[in-house]
N, C-alpha and C. Protein backbone atom coordinates (compact mmCIF):
# COMPACT_ATOMS: atom_id res chain seq x y z
N MET A 1 -58.54 -102.42 -3.70
CA MET A 1 -59.01 -101.78 -4.03
C MET A 1 -60.99 -101.17 -4.28
N THR A 2 -61.51 -100.68 -4.40
CA THR A 2 -62.63 -100.92 -4.64
C THR A 2 -62.68 -99.70 -6.01
N ALA A 3 -63.13 -100.84 -7.18
CA ALA A 3 -63.95 -99.66 -8.06
C ALA A 3 -64.74 -99.35 -8.32
N ALA A 4 -64.25 -97.65 -8.82
CA ALA A 4 -65.49 -96.85 -9.01
C ALA A 4 -66.28 -97.20 -9.37
N ALA A 5 -68.05 -96.78 -9.16
CA ALA A 5 -69.30 -97.51 -10.00
C ALA A 5 -69.56 -97.07 -10.98
N THR A 6 -69.01 -95.43 -12.06
CA THR A 6 -69.41 -94.28 -12.84
C THR A 6 -68.48 -94.38 -14.13
N PRO A 7 -68.84 -94.67 -15.04
CA PRO A 7 -68.44 -94.99 -16.19
C PRO A 7 -67.05 -94.06 -16.79
N THR A 8 -67.20 -92.57 -15.83
CA THR A 8 -66.11 -91.78 -15.83
C THR A 8 -65.11 -91.67 -15.00
N ALA A 9 -65.61 -92.18 -13.64
CA ALA A 9 -64.70 -91.89 -11.83
C ALA A 9 -64.02 -93.25 -11.79
N HIS A 10 -62.34 -93.48 -12.52
CA HIS A 10 -61.73 -94.35 -12.76
C HIS A 10 -59.97 -93.66 -11.58
N LYS A 11 -59.94 -95.05 -10.74
CA LYS A 11 -59.26 -94.74 -10.18
C LYS A 11 -58.02 -96.24 -9.86
N GLN A 12 -56.79 -95.74 -10.01
CA GLN A 12 -55.59 -96.54 -9.98
C GLN A 12 -54.53 -97.17 -8.71
N ASN A 13 -54.44 -98.46 -8.72
CA ASN A 13 -54.50 -98.53 -7.53
C ASN A 13 -52.38 -99.23 -7.81
N GLY A 14 -51.72 -98.96 -8.67
CA GLY A 14 -50.66 -98.80 -9.27
C GLY A 14 -49.79 -100.47 -9.39
N GLY A 15 -50.12 -100.39 -10.14
CA GLY A 15 -48.88 -101.85 -10.16
C GLY A 15 -49.43 -103.41 -10.27
N GLY A 16 -50.68 -103.31 -11.39
CA GLY A 16 -50.67 -105.18 -11.81
C GLY A 16 -51.99 -105.71 -10.74
N ASP A 17 -51.95 -104.86 -9.36
CA ASP A 17 -52.81 -105.75 -8.11
C ASP A 17 -54.39 -106.08 -9.11
N ALA A 18 -54.59 -107.39 -8.31
CA ALA A 18 -56.54 -107.45 -8.33
C ALA A 18 -57.58 -105.97 -8.54
N MET A 19 -58.55 -105.70 -9.35
CA MET A 19 -59.06 -104.76 -8.89
C MET A 19 -60.25 -105.30 -8.30
N LYS A 20 -61.27 -105.03 -7.30
CA LYS A 20 -62.61 -105.09 -7.09
C LYS A 20 -63.60 -104.12 -6.89
N SER A 21 -65.26 -104.61 -7.68
CA SER A 21 -65.76 -103.34 -7.72
C SER A 21 -66.73 -104.15 -6.93
N LYS A 22 -68.34 -103.85 -7.02
CA LYS A 22 -69.08 -104.60 -6.09
C LYS A 22 -69.04 -105.40 -6.61
N ARG A 23 -69.41 -105.94 -7.82
CA ARG A 23 -69.42 -106.94 -8.45
C ARG A 23 -68.42 -108.32 -8.89
N PHE A 24 -67.08 -108.04 -9.10
CA PHE A 24 -66.34 -108.05 -9.74
C PHE A 24 -64.45 -108.26 -9.24
N GLU A 25 -64.21 -109.13 -9.06
CA GLU A 25 -62.41 -108.92 -8.54
C GLU A 25 -61.89 -109.46 -9.59
N PHE A 26 -60.60 -108.61 -10.54
CA PHE A 26 -59.98 -109.20 -11.29
C PHE A 26 -58.40 -108.57 -11.68
N GLU A 27 -58.15 -109.46 -12.40
CA GLU A 27 -56.51 -108.44 -12.50
C GLU A 27 -56.36 -108.14 -14.61
N CYS A 28 -55.61 -107.48 -14.43
CA CYS A 28 -55.59 -107.35 -15.85
C CYS A 28 -54.32 -107.84 -16.10
N VAL A 29 -54.32 -108.94 -17.24
CA VAL A 29 -52.57 -109.73 -17.38
C VAL A 29 -51.97 -109.11 -18.58
N SER A 30 -52.28 -108.27 -20.02
CA SER A 30 -52.83 -107.35 -21.18
C SER A 30 -53.21 -106.55 -21.43
N ALA A 31 -52.35 -106.02 -21.92
CA ALA A 31 -53.16 -104.90 -22.77
C ALA A 31 -52.73 -104.58 -23.93
N ARG A 32 -53.24 -104.19 -24.75
CA ARG A 32 -52.65 -104.22 -26.33
C ARG A 32 -53.14 -102.68 -26.87
N HIS A 33 -52.42 -102.22 -27.34
CA HIS A 33 -52.97 -100.87 -28.11
C HIS A 33 -53.79 -101.59 -29.62
N VAL A 34 -54.34 -100.84 -30.46
CA VAL A 34 -54.61 -101.11 -32.18
C VAL A 34 -54.42 -100.20 -32.61
N GLY A 35 -53.95 -99.44 -33.86
CA GLY A 35 -53.83 -98.72 -34.49
C GLY A 35 -55.39 -98.26 -35.38
N GLY A 36 -56.12 -96.90 -35.94
CA GLY A 36 -57.16 -97.10 -36.26
C GLY A 36 -57.93 -95.61 -36.22
N GLY A 37 -58.56 -95.31 -36.43
CA GLY A 37 -59.00 -94.44 -36.33
C GLY A 37 -60.67 -93.78 -35.38
N THR A 38 -61.14 -95.39 -35.14
CA THR A 38 -61.90 -95.62 -33.97
C THR A 38 -61.85 -95.58 -33.05
N ALA A 39 -63.34 -96.12 -31.74
CA ALA A 39 -63.42 -95.53 -30.62
C ALA A 39 -63.01 -96.75 -29.76
N LEU A 40 -62.58 -98.01 -31.15
CA LEU A 40 -61.80 -99.31 -30.25
C LEU A 40 -60.06 -98.79 -30.75
N PHE A 41 -59.55 -98.71 -28.93
CA PHE A 41 -58.17 -98.46 -28.66
C PHE A 41 -57.23 -99.41 -28.64
N GLY A 42 -57.73 -100.30 -28.19
CA GLY A 42 -56.86 -102.06 -27.82
C GLY A 42 -58.03 -103.11 -27.58
N PHE A 43 -57.33 -103.98 -26.72
CA PHE A 43 -57.45 -105.25 -26.03
C PHE A 43 -56.63 -106.02 -24.68
N ALA A 44 -58.02 -106.38 -23.95
CA ALA A 44 -57.60 -106.42 -22.58
C ALA A 44 -57.55 -108.01 -22.35
N ASP A 45 -56.51 -108.93 -21.25
CA ASP A 45 -56.61 -109.74 -20.80
C ASP A 45 -57.24 -109.29 -19.55
N LEU A 46 -58.15 -110.15 -18.53
CA LEU A 46 -58.78 -110.41 -18.02
C LEU A 46 -59.32 -111.56 -17.19
N ARG A 47 -57.95 -111.83 -16.11
CA ARG A 47 -58.15 -113.40 -15.05
C ARG A 47 -59.69 -112.77 -14.01
N ILE A 48 -60.16 -113.50 -13.85
CA ILE A 48 -60.71 -113.86 -13.28
C ILE A 48 -60.50 -114.59 -12.25
N ALA A 49 -60.17 -114.35 -10.44
CA ALA A 49 -59.71 -115.51 -10.05
C ALA A 49 -60.35 -116.47 -9.42
N GLU A 50 -61.55 -115.76 -8.79
CA GLU A 50 -63.09 -116.49 -8.15
C GLU A 50 -63.86 -117.76 -8.81
N CYS A 51 -63.46 -117.24 -10.47
CA CYS A 51 -64.26 -118.60 -11.37
C CYS A 51 -62.94 -119.14 -12.10
N ARG A 52 -61.30 -118.60 -11.68
CA ARG A 52 -60.55 -119.56 -11.78
C ARG A 52 -60.59 -119.74 -13.74
N MET A 53 -60.98 -118.26 -14.23
CA MET A 53 -61.22 -118.34 -15.80
C MET A 53 -60.45 -116.94 -16.45
N MET A 54 -59.72 -117.08 -17.47
CA MET A 54 -59.00 -115.28 -18.28
C MET A 54 -60.55 -115.30 -19.58
N LEU A 55 -60.67 -114.12 -19.37
CA LEU A 55 -61.63 -113.59 -20.47
C LEU A 55 -60.18 -112.91 -21.26
N VAL A 56 -59.99 -113.37 -23.05
CA VAL A 56 -59.38 -113.34 -24.44
C VAL A 56 -59.54 -112.34 -24.67
N GLY A 57 -59.34 -110.76 -25.02
CA GLY A 57 -59.57 -109.86 -26.27
C GLY A 57 -60.44 -109.33 -25.71
N GLY A 58 -60.87 -109.23 -24.70
CA GLY A 58 -62.09 -108.01 -24.58
C GLY A 58 -61.28 -106.59 -25.05
N GLY A 59 -62.87 -105.87 -25.66
CA GLY A 59 -62.00 -104.59 -26.39
C GLY A 59 -62.27 -103.16 -25.10
N VAL A 60 -61.02 -102.35 -25.82
CA VAL A 60 -61.41 -101.44 -25.00
C VAL A 60 -61.52 -100.03 -25.91
N PHE A 61 -62.27 -99.44 -25.37
CA PHE A 61 -62.55 -98.72 -26.22
C PHE A 61 -62.64 -96.62 -25.78
N SER A 62 -62.63 -96.23 -26.43
CA SER A 62 -62.53 -94.39 -25.83
C SER A 62 -62.96 -93.66 -26.49
N SER A 63 -63.92 -92.66 -25.64
CA SER A 63 -64.54 -92.26 -27.74
C SER A 63 -65.26 -90.91 -26.48
N LYS A 64 -64.71 -89.53 -26.49
CA LYS A 64 -65.45 -88.37 -26.28
C LYS A 64 -64.97 -88.03 -24.61
N GLY A 65 -63.90 -89.05 -24.21
CA GLY A 65 -63.51 -88.60 -22.27
C GLY A 65 -63.75 -89.93 -21.83
N ARG A 66 -64.70 -90.30 -22.71
CA ARG A 66 -65.19 -91.79 -22.03
C ARG A 66 -64.34 -92.70 -22.39
N GLN A 67 -64.59 -93.76 -21.47
CA GLN A 67 -63.77 -95.23 -21.37
C GLN A 67 -64.64 -96.18 -21.58
N TRP A 68 -64.76 -98.08 -21.86
CA TRP A 68 -65.52 -98.47 -21.37
C TRP A 68 -64.39 -99.76 -22.08
N VAL A 69 -64.95 -100.83 -21.85
CA VAL A 69 -64.80 -102.16 -21.75
C VAL A 69 -65.76 -103.13 -22.32
N ASN A 70 -66.17 -103.68 -23.27
CA ASN A 70 -66.43 -104.98 -23.79
C ASN A 70 -66.33 -105.81 -23.69
N LEU A 71 -66.87 -107.23 -23.27
CA LEU A 71 -66.32 -108.50 -23.58
C LEU A 71 -65.62 -108.49 -24.73
N PRO A 72 -65.70 -109.99 -24.74
CA PRO A 72 -65.05 -110.23 -26.26
C PRO A 72 -65.78 -110.75 -27.21
N ALA A 73 -66.17 -110.94 -28.12
CA ALA A 73 -67.11 -111.42 -28.90
C ALA A 73 -66.51 -111.78 -30.45
N LYS A 74 -67.57 -112.30 -31.30
CA LYS A 74 -66.92 -112.86 -32.54
C LYS A 74 -67.59 -112.10 -33.58
N LYS A 75 -67.13 -112.21 -34.98
CA LYS A 75 -66.89 -111.65 -36.34
C LYS A 75 -68.13 -113.27 -36.46
N ASP A 76 -69.53 -112.68 -37.03
CA ASP A 76 -70.15 -113.54 -38.17
C ASP A 76 -70.29 -113.26 -39.39
N SER A 77 -71.24 -113.69 -40.19
CA SER A 77 -70.70 -114.18 -41.54
C SER A 77 -70.51 -113.38 -42.32
N SER A 78 -71.84 -111.96 -42.04
CA SER A 78 -71.66 -110.38 -42.61
C SER A 78 -70.83 -109.41 -42.17
N GLY A 79 -70.02 -109.79 -41.07
CA GLY A 79 -68.46 -108.71 -40.67
C GLY A 79 -69.29 -107.99 -39.30
N SER A 80 -70.05 -108.36 -39.00
CA SER A 80 -70.44 -107.56 -38.11
C SER A 80 -69.67 -108.95 -36.74
N TYR A 81 -69.70 -107.84 -35.38
CA TYR A 81 -69.11 -108.78 -34.08
C TYR A 81 -70.59 -108.79 -33.32
N THR A 82 -70.54 -109.72 -33.27
CA THR A 82 -71.18 -111.53 -31.97
C THR A 82 -71.28 -110.75 -30.59
N ALA A 83 -72.13 -110.55 -29.46
CA ALA A 83 -71.99 -111.04 -28.95
C ALA A 83 -72.05 -112.48 -28.38
N THR A 84 -71.10 -112.46 -27.36
CA THR A 84 -71.01 -114.16 -26.71
C THR A 84 -71.78 -114.67 -25.82
N VAL A 85 -71.28 -113.25 -24.71
CA VAL A 85 -71.17 -113.59 -23.79
C VAL A 85 -72.81 -112.26 -22.68
N ILE A 86 -73.57 -112.27 -22.20
CA ILE A 86 -74.56 -110.66 -21.97
C ILE A 86 -74.11 -110.83 -21.11
N PHE A 87 -74.20 -109.91 -19.95
CA PHE A 87 -74.99 -109.67 -18.77
C PHE A 87 -76.69 -109.67 -18.52
N ASP A 88 -76.81 -109.82 -17.20
CA ASP A 88 -77.88 -109.51 -16.85
C ASP A 88 -78.54 -108.13 -16.94
N SER A 89 -78.20 -107.39 -16.80
CA SER A 89 -78.42 -105.70 -16.72
C SER A 89 -77.80 -104.97 -17.41
N PRO A 90 -77.76 -104.00 -17.65
CA PRO A 90 -77.01 -102.86 -18.07
C PRO A 90 -76.08 -101.99 -17.06
N GLU A 91 -76.58 -102.63 -15.30
CA GLU A 91 -75.40 -102.16 -14.00
C GLU A 91 -74.49 -102.87 -13.73
N LEU A 92 -74.25 -104.21 -14.36
CA LEU A 92 -73.45 -105.05 -14.21
C LEU A 92 -72.95 -105.54 -15.24
N GLN A 93 -73.27 -104.52 -16.73
CA GLN A 93 -72.41 -104.33 -18.02
C GLN A 93 -71.15 -103.59 -17.71
N GLY A 94 -71.79 -102.36 -16.69
CA GLY A 94 -71.56 -100.98 -16.07
C GLY A 94 -70.66 -101.44 -15.52
N ASP A 95 -70.59 -101.66 -14.00
CA ASP A 95 -69.72 -102.31 -13.44
C ASP A 95 -68.57 -103.29 -14.13
N PHE A 96 -68.61 -104.28 -14.36
CA PHE A 96 -67.73 -105.18 -15.52
C PHE A 96 -66.65 -103.71 -15.78
N SER A 97 -67.30 -103.51 -16.48
CA SER A 97 -66.49 -102.04 -17.11
C SER A 97 -65.58 -101.30 -16.76
N ASP A 98 -66.78 -100.65 -15.62
CA ASP A 98 -65.39 -99.74 -15.15
C ASP A 98 -64.61 -100.81 -13.87
N ALA A 99 -65.35 -101.88 -13.32
CA ALA A 99 -63.80 -102.48 -12.68
C ALA A 99 -62.44 -102.77 -13.93
N ALA A 100 -62.68 -103.32 -14.76
CA ALA A 100 -61.94 -104.05 -16.21
C ALA A 100 -61.12 -102.64 -16.81
N ILE A 101 -61.60 -101.79 -16.65
CA ILE A 101 -60.85 -100.52 -16.83
C ILE A 101 -59.75 -100.08 -15.60
N ASP A 102 -60.22 -99.91 -14.92
CA ASP A 102 -59.18 -99.39 -13.52
C ASP A 102 -58.30 -101.00 -13.42
N ALA A 103 -58.48 -102.08 -13.86
CA ALA A 103 -57.84 -102.73 -13.63
C ALA A 103 -56.10 -102.72 -15.05
N VAL A 104 -57.19 -102.05 -16.20
CA VAL A 104 -56.46 -101.95 -17.49
C VAL A 104 -55.40 -100.83 -16.85
N LEU A 105 -55.68 -99.48 -16.25
CA LEU A 105 -54.95 -98.66 -15.63
C LEU A 105 -54.31 -99.23 -14.31
N ALA A 106 -54.02 -99.89 -13.94
CA ALA A 106 -53.28 -100.46 -13.14
C ALA A 106 -52.09 -101.13 -13.46
N LEU A 107 -52.13 -101.57 -14.11
CA LEU A 107 -51.66 -102.32 -15.13
C LEU A 107 -50.46 -101.74 -16.21
N ASP A 108 -51.38 -100.53 -17.02
CA ASP A 108 -50.87 -99.55 -17.43
C ASP A 108 -51.48 -98.41 -17.42
N SER A 109 -50.70 -97.42 -16.47
CA SER A 109 -51.47 -96.08 -15.93
C SER A 109 -51.50 -95.30 -17.26
N ALA A 110 -50.48 -95.09 -18.62
CA ALA A 110 -50.79 -94.32 -19.07
C ALA A 110 -51.19 -94.98 -20.75
N PHE A 111 -52.47 -96.27 -20.54
CA PHE A 111 -52.41 -96.75 -21.95
C PHE A 111 -53.43 -95.78 -22.33
N PHE A 112 -54.19 -94.91 -22.11
CA PHE A 112 -55.04 -94.07 -22.76
C PHE A 112 -54.92 -92.42 -23.36
N GLU A 113 -52.98 -93.05 -22.98
CA GLU A 113 -52.59 -91.21 -23.38
C GLU A 113 -52.74 -91.21 -24.96
N GLY A 114 -52.78 -89.96 -25.30
CA GLY A 114 -53.31 -89.98 -26.95
C GLY A 114 -54.64 -90.22 -27.67
N CYS A 115 -55.55 -90.58 -26.69
CA CYS A 115 -57.51 -91.36 -26.82
C CYS A 115 -57.49 -89.88 -27.31
N LEU A 116 -58.65 -90.03 -27.98
CA LEU A 116 -59.66 -88.92 -28.15
C LEU A 116 -60.42 -88.66 -27.36
């Protein structure tokens, strides 16, 4: 299934299948919620088959009716989070995020129930 290329249009394929966008094809192998009243809603582990790698702990966010996924980040000495991998363009980041949200929803269609 082709993932939507806009941040607000998400399709579900119903059951943990690999998701494909214009540039990304991967599967969400686990997604977990976190508590707290921030935009951070949880974390997801995403398998990218063609690269034979897994992204562990991508941040899943939800705020003001919009959902997105960031690549895993590390905490620096000041307590802020710093990116360890950066896309070449905002368009690539958006395509990744859209396909990741679709993969999370394919694993758990109710993942965002109760979010802001």
